[in-house]
Amino acid sequence: VCYFLNLPLDKSHFITEVPKMLDGYQDIITIPEIAGILYIGKNRVYELLENGTIKGFRIGRVWKIPKESLKEYILMQSRLK
C-alpha cells in the first residue's frame, strides 16, 4: 500500500486511481488544494512550481495549476510514468 496516497502499489491499479482521486477538483487547482492533496505546506508547493517540478503558470501574482500537471507529478514521483 502507498500510505502517502492510501492506494495499493499495484502499478495498473495506481495509474487508474490517481485520476479518480482528483475528480472532485476543477481543471485548474489552487495552491492550498495541492498542499492538502499532497500533505505538504504551501511554501513547498510554491518551490515545486518555481523550479518547474509541477507545471503551472501565473496570471499576475496568482498561480494556475492544471489538474493534469498534478496527476503527472504524482505518477512521476511514484515512478510509474
C-alpha atoms as a PDB file:
ATOM      1  CA  VAL A   1       0.000   0.000   0.000  1.00  0.00           C
ATOM      2  CA  CYS A   2       1.205   3.505  -0.800  1.00  0.00           C
ATOM      3  CA  TYR A   3       0.443   5.133   2.544  1.00  0.00           C
ATOM      4  CA  PHE A   4       1.060   8.607   1.118  1.00  0.00           C
ATOM      5  CA  LEU A   5      -1.961   8.362  -1.175  1.00  0.00           C
ATOM      6  CA  ASN A   6      -3.668   5.398   0.522  1.00  0.00           C
ATOM      7  CA  LEU A   7      -3.565   3.389  -2.711  1.00  0.00           C
ATOM      8  CA  PRO A   8      -2.281  -0.118  -3.459  1.00  0.00           C
ATOM      9  CA  LEU A   9       1.156  -0.286  -5.052  1.00  0.00           C
ATOM     10  CA  ASP A  10      -0.070  -2.399  -7.975  1.00  0.00           C
ATOM     11  CA  LYS A  11       1.006  -0.256 -10.943  1.00  0.00           C
ATOM     12  CA  SER A  12      -2.076  -0.710 -13.119  1.00  0.00           C
ATOM     13  CA  HIS A  13      -4.453  -0.015 -10.232  1.00  0.00           C
ATOM     14  CA  PHE A  14      -2.452   3.004  -9.088  1.00  0.00           C
ATOM     15  CA  ILE A  15      -2.421   4.588 -12.566  1.00  0.00           C
ATOM     16  CA  THR A  16      -6.211   4.335 -12.837  1.00  0.00           C
ATOM     17  CA  GLU A  17      -6.832   5.564  -9.276  1.00  0.00           C
ATOM     18  CA  VAL A  18      -4.717   8.745  -9.399  1.00  0.00           C
ATOM     19  CA  PRO A  19      -7.049  10.447 -11.903  1.00  0.00           C
ATOM     20  CA  LYS A  20     -10.081   9.366  -9.858  1.00  0.00           C
ATOM     21  CA  MET A  21      -8.711  10.843  -6.634  1.00  0.00           C
ATOM     22  CA  LEU A  22      -8.702  14.275  -8.306  1.00  0.00           C
ATOM     23  CA  ASP A  23     -12.178  14.008  -9.844  1.00  0.00           C
ATOM     24  CA  GLY A  24     -13.728  16.346  -7.289  1.00  0.00           C
ATOM     25  CA  TYR A  25     -11.426  19.211  -8.263  1.00  0.00           C
ATOM     26  CA  GLN A  26     -11.765  21.806 -11.027  1.00  0.00           C
ATOM     27  CA  ASP A  27      -9.472  21.622 -14.090  1.00  0.00           C
ATOM     28  CA  ILE A  28      -7.350  24.386 -12.536  1.00  0.00           C
ATOM     29  CA  ILE A  29      -6.184  23.625  -8.992  1.00  0.00           C
ATOM     30  CA  THR A  30      -5.136  26.146  -6.346  1.00  0.00           C
ATOM     31  CA  ILE A  31      -2.029  26.194  -4.148  1.00  0.00           C
ATOM     32  CA  PRO A  32      -3.997  25.328  -0.960  1.00  0.00           C
ATOM     33  CA  GLU A  33      -5.713  22.420  -2.739  1.00  0.00           C
ATOM     34  CA  ILE A  34      -2.386  20.968  -3.889  1.00  0.00           C
ATOM     35  CA  ALA A  35      -0.943  21.389  -0.404  1.00  0.00           C
ATOM     36  CA  GLY A  36      -3.900  19.451   1.006  1.00  0.00           C
ATOM     37  CA  ILE A  37      -3.776  16.706  -1.627  1.00  0.00           C
ATOM     38  CA  LEU A  38      -0.035  16.124  -1.169  1.00  0.00           C
ATOM     39  CA  TYR A  39       0.025  16.786   2.600  1.00  0.00           C
ATOM     40  CA  ILE A  40       2.739  19.421   2.212  1.00  0.00           C
ATOM     41  CA  GLY A  41       2.942  23.094   3.068  1.00  0.00           C
ATOM     42  CA  LYS A  42       2.056  25.899   0.686  1.00  0.00           C
ATOM     43  CA  ASN A  43       5.668  27.090   0.641  1.00  0.00           C
ATOM     44  CA  ARG A  44       6.768  23.678  -0.648  1.00  0.00           C
ATOM     45  CA  VAL A  45       4.107  23.868  -3.391  1.00  0.00           C
ATOM     46  CA  TYR A  46       5.493  27.268  -4.420  1.00  0.00           C
ATOM     47  CA  GLU A  47       9.006  25.748  -4.569  1.00  0.00           C
ATOM     48  CA  LEU A  48       7.783  22.901  -6.781  1.00  0.00           C
ATOM     49  CA  LEU A  49       6.130  25.401  -9.120  1.00  0.00           C
ATOM     50  CA  GLU A  50       9.088  27.802  -9.198  1.00  0.00           C
ATOM     51  CA  ASN A  51      11.578  25.068 -10.111  1.00  0.00           C
ATOM     52  CA  GLY A  52       9.237  23.527 -12.703  1.00  0.00           C
ATOM     53  CA  THR A  53       8.706  20.215 -10.925  1.00  0.00           C
ATOM     54  CA  ILE A  54       4.962  20.831 -11.093  1.00  0.00           C
ATOM     55  CA  LYS A  55       3.930  22.639 -14.256  1.00  0.00           C
ATOM     56  CA  GLY A  56       1.805  25.719 -13.829  1.00  0.00           C
ATOM     57  CA  PHE A  57       1.516  29.313 -14.961  1.00  0.00           C
ATOM     58  CA  ARG A  58       0.856  32.688 -13.449  1.00  0.00           C
ATOM     59  CA  ILE A  59      -1.731  35.294 -14.171  1.00  0.00           C
ATOM     60  CA  GLY A  60      -0.369  38.304 -12.374  1.00  0.00           C
ATOM     61  CA  ARG A  61       0.683  37.040  -8.962  1.00  0.00           C
ATOM     62  CA  VAL A  62      -1.718  34.094  -8.901  1.00  0.00           C
ATOM     63  CA  TRP A  63      -0.572  30.590  -9.842  1.00  0.00           C
ATOM     64  CA  LYS A  64      -2.840  28.444 -12.004  1.00  0.00           C
ATOM     65  CA  ILE A  65      -2.063  24.721 -11.998  1.00  0.00           C
ATOM     66  CA  PRO A  66      -3.783  22.370 -14.431  1.00  0.00           C
ATOM     67  CA  LYS A  67      -5.098  19.227 -12.762  1.00  0.00           C
ATOM     68  CA  GLU A  68      -3.250  17.192 -15.407  1.00  0.00           C
ATOM     69  CA  SER A  69       0.056  18.667 -14.192  1.00  0.00           C
ATOM     70  CA  LEU A  70      -0.596  17.397 -10.689  1.00  0.00           C
ATOM     71  CA  LYS A  71      -1.554  13.939 -11.994  1.00  0.00           C
ATOM     72  CA  GLU A  72       1.680  13.823 -13.986  1.00  0.00           C
ATOM     73  CA  TYR A  73       3.701  14.900 -10.949  1.00  0.00           C
ATOM     74  CA  ILE A  74       2.164  12.198  -8.757  1.00  0.00           C
ATOM     75  CA  LEU A  75       2.802   9.483 -11.343  1.00  0.00           C
ATOM     76  CA  MET A  76       6.391  10.674 -11.934  1.00  0.00           C
ATOM     77  CA  GLN A  77       7.122  10.755  -8.192  1.00  0.00           C
ATOM     78  CA  SER A  78       5.659   7.290  -7.869  1.00  0.00           C
ATOM     79  CA  ARG A  79       7.980   6.151 -10.665  1.00  0.00           C
ATOM     80  CA  LEU A  80       5.011   4.822 -12.570  1.00  0.00           C
ATOM     81  CA  LYS A  81       5.359   7.053 -15.592  1.00  0.00           C
END
